[in-house]
Amino acid sequence: MKAVSPVDYGSFYLKDPEFALKDGRGARSWYYQSCTEFSYFQTYSFNHPMRSKLLTMDFYRKFCEDIFQNGIWASVNRTNT
């Protein structure tokens, strides 16, 4: 299996439905679940600043829309009821 770089997980590559089939990569399916059901996104924390301040929910919303389509976003209330 080819080594995967962080660039391979950018929205440009994840748009391709065949991406997960190439070299055994499976990130697309996880992002689909995150974007439509779980909304499991890690953002900046003032208490524990381990991530960039640029990782906001707006960033992830655009990331999901870039990969799948406009208007796609997790229905957290539906998932957690």
C-alpha atoms as a PDB file:
ATOM      1  CA  MET A   1       0.000   0.000   0.000  1.00  0.00           C
ATOM      2  CA  LYS A   2       1.266   3.464  -0.915  1.00  0.00           C
ATOM      3  CA  ALA A   3       2.016   5.886   1.925  1.00  0.00           C
ATOM      4  CA  VAL A   4      -0.713   8.480   2.342  1.00  0.00           C
ATOM      5  CA  SER A   5       0.107  12.128   2.920  1.00  0.00           C
ATOM      6  CA  PRO A   6      -2.180  14.690   4.579  1.00  0.00           C
ATOM      7  CA  VAL A   7      -2.726  16.256   1.155  1.00  0.00           C
ATOM      8  CA  ASP A   8      -4.472  13.049   0.056  1.00  0.00           C
ATOM      9  CA  TYR A   9      -7.257  13.810   2.513  1.00  0.00           C
ATOM     10  CA  GLY A  10      -8.040  17.250   1.131  1.00  0.00           C
ATOM     11  CA  SER A  11     -11.532  17.924  -0.190  1.00  0.00           C
ATOM     12  CA  PHE A  12     -10.220  17.932  -3.782  1.00  0.00           C
ATOM     13  CA  TYR A  13      -9.318  14.236  -3.552  1.00  0.00           C
ATOM     14  CA  LEU A  14     -12.245  13.232  -1.371  1.00  0.00           C
ATOM     15  CA  LYS A  15     -14.721  14.542  -3.989  1.00  0.00           C
ATOM     16  CA  ASP A  16     -13.823  11.566  -6.155  1.00  0.00           C
ATOM     17  CA  PRO A  17     -16.186   8.642  -5.321  1.00  0.00           C
ATOM     18  CA  GLU A  18     -13.483   6.235  -6.509  1.00  0.00           C
ATOM     19  CA  PHE A  19     -10.972   7.653  -4.015  1.00  0.00           C
ATOM     20  CA  ALA A  20     -11.758   5.064  -1.336  1.00  0.00           C
ATOM     21  CA  LEU A  21     -11.089   2.242  -3.786  1.00  0.00           C
ATOM     22  CA  LYS A  22      -7.618   3.464  -4.694  1.00  0.00           C
ATOM     23  CA  ASP A  23      -4.828   2.007  -2.567  1.00  0.00           C
ATOM     24  CA  GLY A  24      -7.270   0.894   0.137  1.00  0.00           C
ATOM     25  CA  ARG A  25      -8.053   4.387   1.405  1.00  0.00           C
ATOM     26  CA  GLY A  26     -11.282   4.691   3.337  1.00  0.00           C
ATOM     27  CA  ALA A  27     -11.451   8.268   4.609  1.00  0.00           C
ATOM     28  CA  ARG A  28     -14.307   9.245   2.293  1.00  0.00           C
ATOM     29  CA  SER A  29     -16.796   6.991   4.076  1.00  0.00           C
ATOM     30  CA  TRP A  30     -15.780   8.327   7.497  1.00  0.00           C
ATOM     31  CA  TYR A  31     -16.170  11.915   6.319  1.00  0.00           C
ATOM     32  CA  TYR A  32     -19.572  11.083   4.848  1.00  0.00           C
ATOM     33  CA  GLN A  33     -20.722   9.785   8.224  1.00  0.00           C
ATOM     34  CA  SER A  34     -19.232  12.796   9.981  1.00  0.00           C
ATOM     35  CA  CYS A  35     -20.800  15.235   7.532  1.00  0.00           C
ATOM     36  CA  THR A  36     -24.267  13.647   7.567  1.00  0.00           C
ATOM     37  CA  GLU A  37     -24.706  12.010  10.981  1.00  0.00           C
ATOM     38  CA  PHE A  38     -22.035  12.313  13.636  1.00  0.00           C
ATOM     39  CA  SER A  39     -20.580  15.782  13.189  1.00  0.00           C
ATOM     40  CA  TYR A  40     -17.438  14.517  14.907  1.00  0.00           C
ATOM     41  CA  PHE A  41     -15.119  17.434  14.204  1.00  0.00           C
ATOM     42  CA  GLN A  42     -12.225  18.514  16.366  1.00  0.00           C
ATOM     43  CA  THR A  43     -11.920  22.267  16.774  1.00  0.00           C
ATOM     44  CA  TYR A  44      -9.706  24.719  18.636  1.00  0.00           C
ATOM     45  CA  SER A  45      -9.978  24.856  22.418  1.00  0.00           C
ATOM     46  CA  PHE A  46      -8.749  27.761  24.546  1.00  0.00           C
ATOM     47  CA  ASN A  47      -8.260  25.371  27.476  1.00  0.00           C
ATOM     48  CA  HIS A  48      -6.300  22.773  25.491  1.00  0.00           C
ATOM     49  CA  PRO A  49      -4.956  24.450  22.323  1.00  0.00           C
ATOM     50  CA  MET A  50      -3.907  21.379  20.349  1.00  0.00           C
ATOM     51  CA  ARG A  51      -5.467  22.429  17.028  1.00  0.00           C
ATOM     52  CA  SER A  52      -5.428  25.475  14.811  1.00  0.00           C
ATOM     53  CA  LYS A  53      -7.849  28.331  15.440  1.00  0.00           C
ATOM     54  CA  LEU A  54      -8.769  27.974  11.765  1.00  0.00           C
ATOM     55  CA  LEU A  55     -10.514  24.657  12.444  1.00  0.00           C
ATOM     56  CA  THR A  56     -13.967  26.068  13.072  1.00  0.00           C
ATOM     57  CA  MET A  57     -17.388  24.566  12.419  1.00  0.00           C
ATOM     58  CA  ASP A  58     -17.660  26.900   9.408  1.00  0.00           C
ATOM     59  CA  PHE A  59     -14.440  25.361   8.057  1.00  0.00           C
ATOM     60  CA  TYR A  60     -15.865  21.847   8.428  1.00  0.00           C
ATOM     61  CA  ARG A  61     -19.215  22.812   6.906  1.00  0.00           C
ATOM     62  CA  LYS A  62     -17.429  24.128   3.801  1.00  0.00           C
ATOM     63  CA  PHE A  63     -15.171  21.059   3.785  1.00  0.00           C
ATOM     64  CA  CYS A  64     -18.237  18.773   3.751  1.00  0.00           C
ATOM     65  CA  GLU A  65     -19.944  20.794   1.044  1.00  0.00           C
ATOM     66  CA  ASP A  66     -16.772  20.776  -1.074  1.00  0.00           C
ATOM     67  CA  ILE A  67     -16.605  16.985  -0.880  1.00  0.00           C
ATOM     68  CA  PHE A  68     -20.245  16.003  -1.253  1.00  0.00           C
ATOM     69  CA  GLN A  69     -22.644  18.822  -2.132  1.00  0.00           C
ATOM     70  CA  ASN A  70     -24.022  22.131  -0.975  1.00  0.00           C
ATOM     71  CA  GLY A  71     -26.412  21.870   1.925  1.00  0.00           C
ATOM     72  CA  ILE A  72     -25.002  18.632   3.337  1.00  0.00           C
ATOM     73  CA  TRP A  73     -24.551  18.844   7.088  1.00  0.00           C
ATOM     74  CA  ALA A  74     -25.035  16.579  10.063  1.00  0.00           C
ATOM     75  CA  SER A  75     -28.425  16.378  11.630  1.00  0.00           C
ATOM     76  CA  VAL A  76     -27.092  16.012  15.135  1.00  0.00           C
ATOM     77  CA  ASN A  77     -30.528  16.332  16.733  1.00  0.00           C
ATOM     78  CA  ARG A  78     -31.869  13.508  14.568  1.00  0.00           C
ATOM     79  CA  THR A  79     -28.849  11.304  15.254  1.00  0.00           C
ATOM     80  CA  ASN A  80     -28.870  11.838  19.004  1.00  0.00           C
ATOM     81  CA  THR A  81     -32.570  11.313  19.713  1.00  0.00           C
END
